[in-house]
Amino acid sequence: MTDDHLSHHELDTEPFTASELQAIMAYRAEVDGIPDALDMTADELKGRQETIVRALLAESAGALNHWYLTLDTALANLLTCTTESTRYSTAAARFLKAEAAAYHRTRQHFEHITTVVLLGLNTCPIEGNYPKDTNTLNLAMQTLDTTE
């Protein structure tokens, strides 16, 4: 039994096994709240006391590291080892790819915010001296986008 968030990984393939679901639930419990805690903007940090900003960014870096280590553990825990082969199921591979993409987007956003805030750089399109934060490529519109 999976929730709606997981069921789309199972489309046209075998559902998650009990052990895969157990590993996914353990992963989710470990990263619960981390993506939301890292969803900050440069404007939210500007104007705050520098020591508070540095502490918040250091705490956020620690949370990112914890997420990375948890994702690394999930890579091992979702691997299916049988006498015939060692591989990821299609659903597990889809889940891991989606989680890795979310981690990388969040990390890129965090690094962008850290650079902008600590170096005082400007990201406005005309006068900016540092590129805007982007995490997707929209080929149809021929743009780099900041939203998923």
C-alpha atoms as a PDB file:
ATOM      1  CA  MET A   1       0.000   0.000   0.000  1.00  0.00           C
ATOM      2  CA  THR A   2       1.511   3.340  -1.043  1.00  0.00           C
ATOM      3  CA  ASP A   3       0.376   6.922  -0.848  1.00  0.00           C
ATOM      4  CA  ASP A   4      -0.463   9.079  -3.859  1.00  0.00           C
ATOM      5  CA  HIS A   5       2.985  10.690  -3.813  1.00  0.00           C
ATOM      6  CA  LEU A   6       4.613   7.305  -4.299  1.00  0.00           C
ATOM      7  CA  SER A   7       2.074   5.688  -6.589  1.00  0.00           C
ATOM      8  CA  HIS A   8       3.160   7.641  -9.668  1.00  0.00           C
ATOM      9  CA  HIS A   9       6.569   5.956  -9.415  1.00  0.00           C
ATOM     10  CA  GLU A  10       4.766   2.634  -9.853  1.00  0.00           C
ATOM     11  CA  LEU A  11       2.978   3.463 -13.122  1.00  0.00           C
ATOM     12  CA  ASP A  12       3.364   0.684 -15.683  1.00  0.00           C
ATOM     13  CA  THR A  13       5.695  -1.310 -13.454  1.00  0.00           C
ATOM     14  CA  GLU A  14       5.735  -3.528 -10.376  1.00  0.00           C
ATOM     15  CA  PRO A  15       4.687  -1.834  -7.122  1.00  0.00           C
ATOM     16  CA  PHE A  16       7.200  -1.186  -4.359  1.00  0.00           C
ATOM     17  CA  THR A  17       8.085  -4.211  -2.294  1.00  0.00           C
ATOM     18  CA  ALA A  18       7.584  -4.213   1.461  1.00  0.00           C
ATOM     19  CA  SER A  19      11.317  -3.715   2.033  1.00  0.00           C
ATOM     20  CA  GLU A  20      11.418  -0.832  -0.460  1.00  0.00           C
ATOM     21  CA  LEU A  21       8.493   0.835   1.295  1.00  0.00           C
ATOM     22  CA  GLN A  22      10.220   0.386   4.635  1.00  0.00           C
ATOM     23  CA  ALA A  23      13.397   2.017   3.276  1.00  0.00           C
ATOM     24  CA  ILE A  24      11.381   4.872   1.742  1.00  0.00           C
ATOM     25  CA  MET A  25       9.526   5.527   4.994  1.00  0.00           C
ATOM     26  CA  ALA A  26      12.826   5.555   6.907  1.00  0.00           C
ATOM     27  CA  TYR A  27      14.252   7.994   4.347  1.00  0.00           C
ATOM     28  CA  ARG A  28      11.200  10.248   4.587  1.00  0.00           C
ATOM     29  CA  ALA A  29      11.335  10.270   8.382  1.00  0.00           C
ATOM     30  CA  GLU A  30      14.988  11.349   8.298  1.00  0.00           C
ATOM     31  CA  VAL A  31      14.512  14.194   5.795  1.00  0.00           C
ATOM     32  CA  ASP A  32      11.106  15.335   7.057  1.00  0.00           C
ATOM     33  CA  GLY A  33      11.049  19.142   7.154  1.00  0.00           C
ATOM     34  CA  ILE A  34      14.496  19.690   5.643  1.00  0.00           C
ATOM     35  CA  PRO A  35      13.351  20.882   2.198  1.00  0.00           C
ATOM     36  CA  ASP A  36      10.839  23.294   3.763  1.00  0.00           C
ATOM     37  CA  ALA A  37      13.425  24.634   6.215  1.00  0.00           C
ATOM     38  CA  LEU A  38      15.765  25.408   3.323  1.00  0.00           C
ATOM     39  CA  ASP A  39      13.111  27.264   1.336  1.00  0.00           C
ATOM     40  CA  MET A  40      14.393  30.753   2.128  1.00  0.00           C
ATOM     41  CA  THR A  41      15.015  33.864   0.088  1.00  0.00           C
ATOM     42  CA  ALA A  42      17.831  36.383   0.143  1.00  0.00           C
ATOM     43  CA  ASP A  43      15.338  39.110   1.056  1.00  0.00           C
ATOM     44  CA  GLU A  44      14.330  37.178   4.184  1.00  0.00           C
ATOM     45  CA  LEU A  45      17.951  37.080   5.331  1.00  0.00           C
ATOM     46  CA  LYS A  46      19.038  40.577   4.370  1.00  0.00           C
ATOM     47  CA  GLY A  47      18.834  43.068   7.191  1.00  0.00           C
ATOM     48  CA  ARG A  48      19.223  40.451   9.905  1.00  0.00           C
ATOM     49  CA  GLN A  49      22.205  40.489  12.220  1.00  0.00           C
ATOM     50  CA  GLU A  50      25.207  38.906  10.484  1.00  0.00           C
ATOM     51  CA  THR A  51      25.915  36.392  13.254  1.00  0.00           C
ATOM     52  CA  ILE A  52      22.303  35.171  13.097  1.00  0.00           C
ATOM     53  CA  VAL A  53      22.454  34.835   9.308  1.00  0.00           C
ATOM     54  CA  ARG A  54      25.738  32.928   9.471  1.00  0.00           C
ATOM     55  CA  ALA A  55      24.328  30.601  12.144  1.00  0.00           C
ATOM     56  CA  LEU A  56      21.183  29.989  10.085  1.00  0.00           C
ATOM     57  CA  LEU A  57      23.231  29.255   6.967  1.00  0.00           C
ATOM     58  CA  ALA A  58      25.539  26.929   8.909  1.00  0.00           C
ATOM     59  CA  GLU A  59      22.530  25.089  10.334  1.00  0.00           C
ATOM     60  CA  SER A  60      21.059  24.845   6.840  1.00  0.00           C
ATOM     61  CA  ALA A  61      24.337  23.454   5.486  1.00  0.00           C
ATOM     62  CA  GLY A  62      24.230  20.815   8.211  1.00  0.00           C
ATOM     63  CA  ALA A  63      20.664  19.922   7.215  1.00  0.00           C
ATOM     64  CA  LEU A  64      21.743  19.605   3.573  1.00  0.00           C
ATOM     65  CA  ASN A  65      24.576  17.314   4.608  1.00  0.00           C
ATOM     66  CA  HIS A  66      22.147  15.184   6.622  1.00  0.00           C
ATOM     67  CA  TRP A  67      19.839  14.986   3.593  1.00  0.00           C
ATOM     68  CA  TYR A  68      22.777  13.940   1.387  1.00  0.00           C
ATOM     69  CA  LEU A  69      23.830  11.197   3.817  1.00  0.00           C
ATOM     70  CA  THR A  70      20.234   9.988   4.130  1.00  0.00           C
ATOM     71  CA  LEU A  71      19.850   9.870   0.333  1.00  0.00           C
ATOM     72  CA  ASP A  72      23.132   7.959   0.139  1.00  0.00           C
ATOM     73  CA  THR A  73      21.765   5.457   2.669  1.00  0.00           C
ATOM     74  CA  ALA A  74      18.553   5.139   0.646  1.00  0.00           C
ATOM     75  CA  LEU A  75      20.660   4.272  -2.412  1.00  0.00           C
ATOM     76  CA  ALA A  76      21.969   1.266  -0.528  1.00  0.00           C
ATOM     77  CA  ASN A  77      18.698   0.331   1.157  1.00  0.00           C
ATOM     78  CA  LEU A  78      16.630   0.370  -2.049  1.00  0.00           C
ATOM     79  CA  LEU A  79      19.010  -1.871  -3.946  1.00  0.00           C
ATOM     80  CA  THR A  80      17.494  -5.294  -4.633  1.00  0.00           C
ATOM     81  CA  CYS A  81      19.981  -8.117  -4.356  1.00  0.00           C
ATOM     82  CA  THR A  82      18.971 -11.541  -5.627  1.00  0.00           C
ATOM     83  CA  THR A  83      20.901 -14.545  -6.803  1.00  0.00           C
ATOM     84  CA  GLU A  84      20.183 -13.471 -10.390  1.00  0.00           C
ATOM     85  CA  SER A  85      21.082  -9.788 -10.168  1.00  0.00           C
ATOM     86  CA  THR A  86      21.703  -6.695  -8.110  1.00  0.00           C
ATOM     87  CA  ARG A  87      19.624  -3.765  -9.302  1.00  0.00           C
ATOM     88  CA  TYR A  88      17.001  -1.148  -8.472  1.00  0.00           C
ATOM     89  CA  SER A  89      13.386  -1.853  -9.308  1.00  0.00           C
ATOM     90  CA  THR A  90      11.884   0.587 -11.803  1.00  0.00           C
ATOM     91  CA  ALA A  91       9.752   2.208  -9.085  1.00  0.00           C
ATOM     92  CA  ALA A  92      12.724   2.520  -6.716  1.00  0.00           C
ATOM     93  CA  ALA A  93      14.901   4.022  -9.458  1.00  0.00           C
ATOM     94  CA  ARG A  94      12.185   6.570 -10.259  1.00  0.00           C
ATOM     95  CA  PHE A  95      11.836   7.464  -6.580  1.00  0.00           C
ATOM     96  CA  LEU A  96      15.594   7.872  -6.133  1.00  0.00           C
ATOM     97  CA  LYS A  97      15.932  10.011  -9.267  1.00  0.00           C
ATOM     98  CA  ALA A  98      13.136  12.308  -8.095  1.00  0.00           C
ATOM     99  CA  GLU A  99      14.610  12.632  -4.603  1.00  0.00           C
ATOM    100  CA  ALA A 100      18.105  13.264  -5.962  1.00  0.00           C
ATOM    101  CA  ALA A 101      16.738  15.974  -8.281  1.00  0.00           C
ATOM    102  CA  ALA A 102      14.936  17.627  -5.354  1.00  0.00           C
ATOM    103  CA  TYR A 103      18.113  17.498  -3.268  1.00  0.00           C
ATOM    104  CA  HIS A 104      20.228  19.013  -6.051  1.00  0.00           C
ATOM    105  CA  ARG A 105      17.720  21.809  -6.764  1.00  0.00           C
ATOM    106  CA  THR A 106      17.557  22.647  -3.068  1.00  0.00           C
ATOM    107  CA  ARG A 107      21.329  22.585  -2.722  1.00  0.00           C
ATOM    108  CA  GLN A 108      21.775  24.858  -5.749  1.00  0.00           C
ATOM    109  CA  HIS A 109      19.212  27.276  -4.309  1.00  0.00           C
ATOM    110  CA  PHE A 110      20.956  27.248  -0.910  1.00  0.00           C
ATOM    111  CA  GLU A 111      24.353  27.904  -2.482  1.00  0.00           C
ATOM    112  CA  HIS A 112      22.890  30.745  -4.535  1.00  0.00           C
ATOM    113  CA  ILE A 113      21.242  32.360  -1.485  1.00  0.00           C
ATOM    114  CA  THR A 114      24.434  31.957   0.549  1.00  0.00           C
ATOM    115  CA  THR A 115      26.522  33.637  -2.148  1.00  0.00           C
ATOM    116  CA  VAL A 116      24.063  36.494  -2.633  1.00  0.00           C
ATOM    117  CA  VAL A 117      23.611  37.191   1.080  1.00  0.00           C
ATOM    118  CA  LEU A 118      27.200  36.806   2.284  1.00  0.00           C
ATOM    119  CA  LEU A 119      28.772  38.655  -0.629  1.00  0.00           C
ATOM    120  CA  GLY A 120      25.996  41.212  -0.983  1.00  0.00           C
ATOM    121  CA  LEU A 121      25.544  40.516  -4.676  1.00  0.00           C
ATOM    122  CA  ASN A 122      22.604  41.689  -6.762  1.00  0.00           C
ATOM    123  CA  THR A 123      20.603  39.252  -8.925  1.00  0.00           C
ATOM    124  CA  CYS A 124      18.246  41.607 -10.723  1.00  0.00           C
ATOM    125  CA  PRO A 125      18.200  40.916 -14.480  1.00  0.00           C
ATOM    126  CA  ILE A 126      19.429  44.308 -15.709  1.00  0.00           C
ATOM    127  CA  GLU A 127      21.927  45.611 -13.152  1.00  0.00           C
ATOM    128  CA  GLY A 128      22.741  42.334 -11.464  1.00  0.00           C
ATOM    129  CA  ASN A 129      26.324  41.317 -10.801  1.00  0.00           C
ATOM    130  CA  TYR A 130      25.467  37.693 -10.011  1.00  0.00           C
ATOM    131  CA  PRO A 131      23.219  35.365 -12.035  1.00  0.00           C
ATOM    132  CA  LYS A 132      19.673  34.654 -10.952  1.00  0.00           C
ATOM    133  CA  ASP A 133      18.994  31.349  -9.237  1.00  0.00           C
ATOM    134  CA  THR A 134      17.821  28.756 -11.778  1.00  0.00           C
ATOM    135  CA  ASN A 135      16.948  25.115 -11.389  1.00  0.00           C
ATOM    136  CA  THR A 136      15.155  24.108 -14.572  1.00  0.00           C
ATOM    137  CA  LEU A 137      15.524  24.498 -18.292  1.00  0.00           C
ATOM    138  CA  ASN A 138      12.374  25.408 -20.180  1.00  0.00           C
ATOM    139  CA  LEU A 139      13.173  24.574 -23.787  1.00  0.00           C
ATOM    140  CA  ALA A 140       9.711  25.494 -25.066  1.00  0.00           C
ATOM    141  CA  MET A 141      10.076  29.037 -23.730  1.00  0.00           C
ATOM    142  CA  GLN A 142      13.862  29.083 -24.256  1.00  0.00           C
ATOM    143  CA  THR A 143      14.473  30.170 -20.656  1.00  0.00           C
ATOM    144  CA  LEU A 144      16.217  29.165 -17.491  1.00  0.00           C
ATOM    145  CA  ASP A 145      13.535  29.036 -14.801  1.00  0.00           C
ATOM    146  CA  THR A 146      13.555  29.325 -11.038  1.00  0.00           C
ATOM    147  CA  THR A 147      10.472  27.164 -10.519  1.00  0.00           C
ATOM    148  CA  GLU A 148       9.963  23.459 -10.929  1.00  0.00           C
END
